[in-house]
Amino acid sequence: MTNAGICTWYEFAVEIAAKWGIDKQIIPVTSEEFMRPARRPANSALNDTMLRLEGITPLRHWEDALDEYLRLSS
């Protein structure tokens, strides 16, 4: 299961840095530039399509979930 909304790993990192007040440049890289042992798909975004098709109530937006997580973990 995944929260509603879509973002890249870069957008996710930028949002976390902004919410924590981290003033550092975050540079996006492609999967090819970020060497990992396993191949990565060109688009690995999670989505909640199957939840909706199964009639399951969608989860809140990822930014709302991130806000709560950061608030609870500080």
C-alpha atoms as a PDB file:
ATOM      1  CA  MET A   1       0.000   0.000   0.000  1.00  0.00           C
ATOM      2  CA  THR A   2       1.124   3.512  -0.639  1.00  0.00           C
ATOM      3  CA  ASN A   3      -0.076   6.966   0.207  1.00  0.00           C
ATOM      4  CA  ALA A   4      -1.819   9.147  -2.346  1.00  0.00           C
ATOM      5  CA  GLY A   5       0.170  11.469  -4.575  1.00  0.00           C
ATOM      6  CA  ILE A   6       3.287  10.943  -6.628  1.00  0.00           C
ATOM      7  CA  CYS A   7       6.835  12.185  -6.161  1.00  0.00           C
ATOM      8  CA  THR A   8      10.319  11.243  -7.213  1.00  0.00           C
ATOM      9  CA  TRP A   9      12.996  10.276  -4.715  1.00  0.00           C
ATOM     10  CA  TYR A  10      14.517  13.696  -5.454  1.00  0.00           C
ATOM     11  CA  GLU A  11      11.256  15.507  -4.643  1.00  0.00           C
ATOM     12  CA  PHE A  12      10.925  13.422  -1.483  1.00  0.00           C
ATOM     13  CA  ALA A  13      14.459  14.353  -0.359  1.00  0.00           C
ATOM     14  CA  VAL A  14      13.881  18.041  -1.143  1.00  0.00           C
ATOM     15  CA  GLU A  15      10.647  18.031   0.882  1.00  0.00           C
ATOM     16  CA  ILE A  16      12.325  16.375   3.877  1.00  0.00           C
ATOM     17  CA  ALA A  17      15.218  18.870   3.774  1.00  0.00           C
ATOM     18  CA  ALA A  18      12.781  21.793   3.549  1.00  0.00           C
ATOM     19  CA  LYS A  19      10.689  20.542   6.463  1.00  0.00           C
ATOM     20  CA  TRP A  20      13.807  20.025   8.615  1.00  0.00           C
ATOM     21  CA  GLY A  21      15.245  23.410   7.625  1.00  0.00           C
ATOM     22  CA  ILE A  22      18.296  21.870   5.954  1.00  0.00           C
ATOM     23  CA  ASP A  23      19.814  24.414   3.587  1.00  0.00           C
ATOM     24  CA  LYS A  24      21.888  22.151   1.346  1.00  0.00           C
ATOM     25  CA  GLN A  25      21.787  21.670  -2.383  1.00  0.00           C
ATOM     26  CA  ILE A  26      20.198  18.368  -3.384  1.00  0.00           C
ATOM     27  CA  ILE A  27      21.203  17.231  -6.838  1.00  0.00           C
ATOM     28  CA  PRO A  28      18.916  14.881  -8.763  1.00  0.00           C
ATOM     29  CA  VAL A  29      20.561  11.895 -10.457  1.00  0.00           C
ATOM     30  CA  THR A  30      19.274   9.251 -12.797  1.00  0.00           C
ATOM     31  CA  SER A  31      19.240   5.569 -11.916  1.00  0.00           C
ATOM     32  CA  GLU A  32      22.191   5.102 -14.281  1.00  0.00           C
ATOM     33  CA  GLU A  33      24.200   7.747 -12.396  1.00  0.00           C
ATOM     34  CA  PHE A  34      23.371   6.258  -8.988  1.00  0.00           C
ATOM     35  CA  MET A  35      25.129   2.933  -9.214  1.00  0.00           C
ATOM     36  CA  ARG A  36      23.312   0.115  -7.410  1.00  0.00           C
ATOM     37  CA  PRO A  37      23.897  -3.647  -7.662  1.00  0.00           C
ATOM     38  CA  ALA A  38      20.398  -4.322  -9.035  1.00  0.00           C
ATOM     39  CA  ARG A  39      18.927  -2.726 -12.142  1.00  0.00           C
ATOM     40  CA  ARG A  40      16.220  -0.194 -11.418  1.00  0.00           C
ATOM     41  CA  PRO A  41      13.118   0.484 -13.510  1.00  0.00           C
ATOM     42  CA  ALA A  42      12.923   3.784 -15.389  1.00  0.00           C
ATOM     43  CA  ASN A  43       9.792   4.684 -13.411  1.00  0.00           C
ATOM     44  CA  SER A  44       9.469   3.174  -9.955  1.00  0.00           C
ATOM     45  CA  ALA A  45       6.715   5.417  -8.647  1.00  0.00           C
ATOM     46  CA  LEU A  46       4.233   3.684  -6.387  1.00  0.00           C
ATOM     47  CA  ASN A  47       0.556   4.365  -6.949  1.00  0.00           C
ATOM     48  CA  ASP A  48      -2.722   3.460  -5.293  1.00  0.00           C
ATOM     49  CA  THR A  49      -4.635   2.396  -8.403  1.00  0.00           C
ATOM     50  CA  MET A  50      -5.284  -1.161  -7.197  1.00  0.00           C
ATOM     51  CA  LEU A  51      -6.528   0.069  -3.808  1.00  0.00           C
ATOM     52  CA  ARG A  52      -9.094   2.241  -5.527  1.00  0.00           C
ATOM     53  CA  LEU A  53     -10.093  -0.531  -7.943  1.00  0.00           C
ATOM     54  CA  GLU A  54     -10.632  -2.874  -4.975  1.00  0.00           C
ATOM     55  CA  GLY A  55     -12.797  -0.265  -3.250  1.00  0.00           C
ATOM     56  CA  ILE A  56     -10.276   0.333  -0.466  1.00  0.00           C
ATOM     57  CA  THR A  57     -10.302   3.850   0.925  1.00  0.00           C
ATOM     58  CA  PRO A  58      -7.228   5.691  -0.343  1.00  0.00           C
ATOM     59  CA  LEU A  59      -4.574   6.647   2.186  1.00  0.00           C
ATOM     60  CA  ARG A  60      -3.798  10.295   2.884  1.00  0.00           C
ATOM     61  CA  HIS A  61      -1.387  12.225   0.688  1.00  0.00           C
ATOM     62  CA  TRP A  62       2.290  11.352   1.164  1.00  0.00           C
ATOM     63  CA  GLU A  63       3.113  14.916   2.277  1.00  0.00           C
ATOM     64  CA  ASP A  64       0.583  14.683   5.125  1.00  0.00           C
ATOM     65  CA  ALA A  65       2.026  11.326   6.181  1.00  0.00           C
ATOM     66  CA  LEU A  66       5.557  12.754   6.019  1.00  0.00           C
ATOM     67  CA  ASP A  67       4.532  15.725   8.163  1.00  0.00           C
ATOM     68  CA  GLU A  68       3.177  13.408  10.846  1.00  0.00           C
ATOM     69  CA  TYR A  69       6.191  11.090  10.705  1.00  0.00           C
ATOM     70  CA  LEU A  70       8.639  13.982  11.079  1.00  0.00           C
ATOM     71  CA  ARG A  71       6.576  15.493  13.898  1.00  0.00           C
ATOM     72  CA  LEU A  72       6.462  12.182  15.794  1.00  0.00           C
ATOM     73  CA  SER A  73      10.119  11.366  15.230  1.00  0.00           C
ATOM     74  CA  SER A  74      11.512  14.699  16.489  1.00  0.00           C
END
